[in-house]
Amino acid sequence: MNREEPLVETAILGKMAEDFIGSDIGQYVLARASMEAQEANEALKKVFPLRWKRIMELQNRIYRAESIQRWLMDAVSDGEAAKRTIEGDD
């Protein structure tokens, strides 16, 4: 198998993402992202409705934090799908 094939590269990246998520630093990053989203969500609930710049800032913090989590999970999911395709299980 050629490592430069897109499916192989996706499978490798997925495994790397899975390993990262399982590591101490990966757990730290996911916990911080979750905490960031929760804190921004709580602040968003209390912000005065006409403070649109603050609302946008908080929405962006939530989006960024949730995106980090989603990107890692997508990498794992895509990697597993690529692995199944390579192995002929798909």
N, C-alpha and C. Protein backbone atom coordinates (compact mmCIF):
# COMPACT_ATOMS: atom_id res chain seq x y z
N MET A 1 0.83 -1.18 0.00
CA MET A 1 0.00 0.00 0.00
C MET A 1 0.88 1.25 0.00
N ASN A 2 0.53 2.17 -0.84
CA ASN A 2 1.28 3.42 -0.94
C ASN A 2 0.77 4.42 0.08
N ARG A 3 1.65 4.88 0.93
CA ARG A 3 1.26 5.82 2.00
C ARG A 3 0.73 7.13 1.43
N GLU A 4 1.06 7.46 0.21
CA GLU A 4 0.64 8.72 -0.39
C GLU A 4 -0.77 8.65 -0.99
N GLU A 5 -1.37 7.47 -0.99
CA GLU A 5 -2.75 7.36 -1.47
C GLU A 5 -3.67 8.07 -0.48
N PRO A 6 -4.66 8.79 -1.00
CA PRO A 6 -5.54 9.57 -0.12
C PRO A 6 -6.21 8.74 0.97
N LEU A 7 -6.70 7.55 0.64
CA LEU A 7 -7.37 6.72 1.65
C LEU A 7 -6.40 6.29 2.75
N VAL A 8 -5.20 5.94 2.36
CA VAL A 8 -4.19 5.52 3.34
C VAL A 8 -3.82 6.70 4.22
N GLU A 9 -3.62 7.85 3.61
CA GLU A 9 -3.28 9.05 4.38
C GLU A 9 -4.40 9.42 5.35
N THR A 10 -5.65 9.28 4.91
CA THR A 10 -6.79 9.58 5.78
C THR A 10 -6.84 8.59 6.94
N ALA A 11 -6.59 7.32 6.67
CA ALA A 11 -6.58 6.31 7.73
C ALA A 11 -5.48 6.59 8.75
N ILE A 12 -4.31 6.97 8.26
CA ILE A 12 -3.18 7.28 9.15
C ILE A 12 -3.50 8.51 9.99
N LEU A 13 -4.04 9.54 9.35
CA LEU A 13 -4.40 10.76 10.09
C LEU A 13 -5.46 10.46 11.15
N GLY A 14 -6.41 9.63 10.82
CA GLY A 14 -7.44 9.25 11.78
C GLY A 14 -6.86 8.56 12.99
N LYS A 15 -5.91 7.65 12.76
CA LYS A 15 -5.25 6.96 13.87
C LYS A 15 -4.44 7.94 14.71
N MET A 16 -3.78 8.89 14.06
CA MET A 16 -3.02 9.90 14.79
C MET A 16 -3.95 10.76 15.64
N ALA A 17 -5.10 11.12 15.09
CA ALA A 17 -6.08 11.92 15.85
C ALA A 17 -6.60 11.12 17.03
N GLU A 18 -6.86 9.84 16.82
CA GLU A 18 -7.34 8.98 17.90
C GLU A 18 -6.29 8.89 19.02
N ASP A 19 -5.04 8.72 18.62
CA ASP A 19 -3.94 8.68 19.60
C ASP A 19 -3.82 10.00 20.35
N PHE A 20 -3.97 11.10 19.62
CA PHE A 20 -3.90 12.42 20.24
C PHE A 20 -5.02 12.59 21.27
N ILE A 21 -6.23 12.22 20.90
CA ILE A 21 -7.37 12.35 21.80
C ILE A 21 -7.14 11.52 23.07
N GLY A 22 -6.51 10.38 22.93
CA GLY A 22 -6.25 9.52 24.07
C GLY A 22 -5.08 9.96 24.93
N SER A 23 -4.31 10.92 24.44
CA SER A 23 -3.14 11.38 25.20
C SER A 23 -3.54 12.42 26.25
N ASP A 24 -2.63 12.67 27.17
CA ASP A 24 -2.88 13.68 28.20
C ASP A 24 -3.12 15.06 27.59
N ILE A 25 -2.31 15.43 26.61
CA ILE A 25 -2.46 16.75 25.99
C ILE A 25 -3.75 16.82 25.19
N GLY A 26 -4.12 15.73 24.55
CA GLY A 26 -5.39 15.70 23.82
C GLY A 26 -6.58 15.86 24.75
N GLN A 27 -6.53 15.17 25.88
CA GLN A 27 -7.59 15.30 26.88
C GLN A 27 -7.65 16.72 27.43
N TYR A 28 -6.48 17.32 27.61
CA TYR A 28 -6.42 18.70 28.08
C TYR A 28 -7.06 19.65 27.07
N VAL A 29 -6.71 19.50 25.81
CA VAL A 29 -7.25 20.37 24.75
C VAL A 29 -8.77 20.22 24.67
N LEU A 30 -9.26 18.99 24.69
CA LEU A 30 -10.71 18.78 24.62
C LEU A 30 -11.42 19.34 25.85
N ALA A 31 -10.82 19.16 27.02
CA ALA A 31 -11.44 19.70 28.24
C ALA A 31 -11.47 21.22 28.21
N ARG A 32 -10.36 21.83 27.75
CA ARG A 32 -10.32 23.30 27.66
C ARG A 32 -11.33 23.81 26.65
N ALA A 33 -11.46 23.13 25.52
CA ALA A 33 -12.43 23.55 24.50
C ALA A 33 -13.86 23.45 25.06
N SER A 34 -14.13 22.37 25.77
CA SER A 34 -15.45 22.20 26.37
C SER A 34 -15.73 23.29 27.40
N MET A 35 -14.74 23.57 28.24
CA MET A 35 -14.89 24.60 29.26
C MET A 35 -15.08 25.98 28.63
N GLU A 36 -14.34 26.25 27.56
CA GLU A 36 -14.46 27.52 26.85
C GLU A 36 -15.88 27.70 26.31
N ALA A 37 -16.41 26.65 25.69
CA ALA A 37 -17.76 26.72 25.13
C ALA A 37 -18.79 26.91 26.24
N GLN A 38 -18.63 26.21 27.35
CA GLN A 38 -19.58 26.34 28.46
C GLN A 38 -19.55 27.74 29.06
N GLU A 39 -18.35 28.27 29.27
CA GLU A 39 -18.22 29.61 29.85
C GLU A 39 -18.83 30.67 28.93
N ALA A 40 -18.56 30.56 27.65
CA ALA A 40 -19.10 31.52 26.69
C ALA A 40 -20.62 31.40 26.60
N ASN A 41 -21.12 30.18 26.67
CA ASN A 41 -22.56 29.96 26.63
C ASN A 41 -23.24 30.57 27.85
N GLU A 42 -22.64 30.41 29.01
CA GLU A 42 -23.20 31.02 30.22
C GLU A 42 -23.19 32.55 30.12
N ALA A 43 -22.11 33.10 29.62
CA ALA A 43 -22.03 34.56 29.45
C ALA A 43 -23.04 35.05 28.43
N LEU A 44 -23.25 34.26 27.38
CA LEU A 44 -24.20 34.63 26.33
C LEU A 44 -25.62 34.71 26.89
N LYS A 45 -25.94 33.85 27.83
CA LYS A 45 -27.26 33.86 28.45
C LYS A 45 -27.53 35.14 29.22
N LYS A 46 -26.48 35.80 29.68
CA LYS A 46 -26.63 36.95 30.56
C LYS A 46 -26.37 38.30 29.88
N VAL A 47 -25.88 38.27 28.65
CA VAL A 47 -25.50 39.51 27.98
C VAL A 47 -26.75 40.31 27.59
N PHE A 48 -26.64 41.60 27.70
CA PHE A 48 -27.74 42.49 27.31
C PHE A 48 -27.98 42.33 25.81
N PRO A 49 -29.23 42.14 25.38
CA PRO A 49 -29.54 41.82 23.98
C PRO A 49 -29.03 42.83 22.95
N LEU A 50 -28.86 44.08 23.34
CA LEU A 50 -28.41 45.08 22.36
C LEU A 50 -26.89 45.18 22.25
N ARG A 51 -26.17 44.40 23.02
CA ARG A 51 -24.70 44.39 22.94
C ARG A 51 -24.28 43.39 21.87
N TRP A 52 -24.56 43.71 20.62
CA TRP A 52 -24.37 42.79 19.51
C TRP A 52 -22.91 42.41 19.30
N LYS A 53 -21.98 43.32 19.57
CA LYS A 53 -20.57 42.96 19.41
C LYS A 53 -20.16 41.90 20.44
N ARG A 54 -20.62 42.05 21.66
CA ARG A 54 -20.33 41.07 22.70
C ARG A 54 -20.99 39.73 22.37
N ILE A 55 -22.20 39.78 21.87
CA ILE A 55 -22.91 38.56 21.47
C ILE A 55 -22.12 37.84 20.37
N MET A 56 -21.67 38.58 19.39
CA MET A 56 -20.88 37.98 18.31
C MET A 56 -19.59 37.38 18.84
N GLU A 57 -18.93 38.07 19.74
CA GLU A 57 -17.69 37.57 20.34
C GLU A 57 -17.93 36.24 21.05
N LEU A 58 -18.98 36.19 21.84
CA LEU A 58 -19.30 34.96 22.57
C LEU A 58 -19.69 33.83 21.63
N GLN A 59 -20.47 34.15 20.62
CA GLN A 59 -20.84 33.13 19.63
C GLN A 59 -19.60 32.58 18.93
N ASN A 60 -18.66 33.45 18.61
CA ASN A 60 -17.43 33.01 17.96
C ASN A 60 -16.58 32.13 18.88
N ARG A 61 -16.55 32.45 20.17
CA ARG A 61 -15.82 31.61 21.13
C ARG A 61 -16.44 30.21 21.18
N ILE A 62 -17.76 30.15 21.21
CA ILE A 62 -18.44 28.86 21.23
C ILE A 62 -18.15 28.09 19.95
N TYR A 63 -18.26 28.76 18.82
CA TYR A 63 -18.02 28.12 17.52
C TYR A 63 -16.60 27.57 17.44
N ARG A 64 -15.63 28.35 17.87
CA ARG A 64 -14.23 27.92 17.81
C ARG A 64 -14.01 26.69 18.69
N ALA A 65 -14.51 26.75 19.91
CA ALA A 65 -14.31 25.64 20.84
C ALA A 65 -14.98 24.36 20.33
N GLU A 66 -16.19 24.49 19.83
CA GLU A 66 -16.90 23.32 19.30
C GLU A 66 -16.26 22.81 18.02
N SER A 67 -15.68 23.71 17.23
CA SER A 67 -15.02 23.30 15.99
C SER A 67 -13.80 22.43 16.28
N ILE A 68 -13.03 22.80 17.29
CA ILE A 68 -11.85 22.01 17.65
C ILE A 68 -12.26 20.58 17.96
N GLN A 69 -13.30 20.44 18.77
CA GLN A 69 -13.78 19.10 19.13
C GLN A 69 -14.28 18.35 17.89
N ARG A 70 -15.03 19.03 17.07
CA ARG A 70 -15.61 18.41 15.87
C ARG A 70 -14.51 17.99 14.87
N TRP A 71 -13.49 18.83 14.70
CA TRP A 71 -12.42 18.49 13.76
C TRP A 71 -11.70 17.20 14.17
N LEU A 72 -11.43 17.08 15.46
CA LEU A 72 -10.75 15.87 15.93
C LEU A 72 -11.64 14.64 15.75
N MET A 73 -12.90 14.76 16.11
CA MET A 73 -13.82 13.63 15.96
C MET A 73 -14.03 13.27 14.48
N ASP A 74 -14.09 14.29 13.62
CA ASP A 74 -14.22 14.04 12.18
C ASP A 74 -13.00 13.31 11.64
N ALA A 75 -11.81 13.68 12.10
CA ALA A 75 -10.59 13.02 11.64
C ALA A 75 -10.60 11.55 12.02
N VAL A 76 -11.03 11.25 13.24
CA VAL A 76 -11.12 9.85 13.69
C VAL A 76 -12.15 9.10 12.86
N SER A 77 -13.31 9.69 12.68
CA SER A 77 -14.39 9.05 11.92
C SER A 77 -13.99 8.81 10.46
N ASP A 78 -13.40 9.83 9.85
CA ASP A 78 -12.95 9.69 8.45
C ASP A 78 -11.87 8.62 8.34
N GLY A 79 -10.98 8.58 9.32
CA GLY A 79 -9.92 7.57 9.32
C GLY A 79 -10.46 6.17 9.44
N GLU A 80 -11.45 5.98 10.30
CA GLU A 80 -12.07 4.65 10.45
C GLU A 80 -12.78 4.23 9.17
N ALA A 81 -13.46 5.18 8.53
CA ALA A 81 -14.14 4.87 7.26
C ALA A 81 -13.13 4.51 6.18
N ALA A 82 -12.02 5.23 6.13
CA ALA A 82 -10.98 4.94 5.15
C ALA A 82 -10.38 3.56 5.41
N LYS A 83 -10.15 3.24 6.67
CA LYS A 83 -9.59 1.94 7.02
C LYS A 83 -10.53 0.81 6.60
N ARG A 84 -11.83 0.98 6.85
CA ARG A 84 -12.80 -0.04 6.43
C ARG A 84 -12.80 -0.21 4.91
N THR A 85 -12.69 0.91 4.19
CA THR A 85 -12.66 0.85 2.72
C THR A 85 -11.41 0.12 2.24
N ILE A 86 -10.28 0.43 2.83
CA ILE A 86 -9.02 -0.22 2.45
C ILE A 86 -9.08 -1.72 2.71
N GLU A 87 -9.66 -2.09 3.85
CA GLU A 87 -9.75 -3.50 4.22
C GLU A 87 -10.87 -4.24 3.49
N GLY A 88 -11.69 -3.50 2.76
CA GLY A 88 -12.76 -4.10 1.99
C GLY A 88 -14.01 -4.39 2.80
N ASP A 89 -14.11 -3.78 3.98
CA ASP A 89 -15.28 -4.00 4.83
C ASP A 89 -16.42 -3.03 4.51
N ASP A 90 -16.21 -2.13 3.60
CA ASP A 90 -17.20 -1.10 3.31
C ASP A 90 -18.02 -1.43 2.09
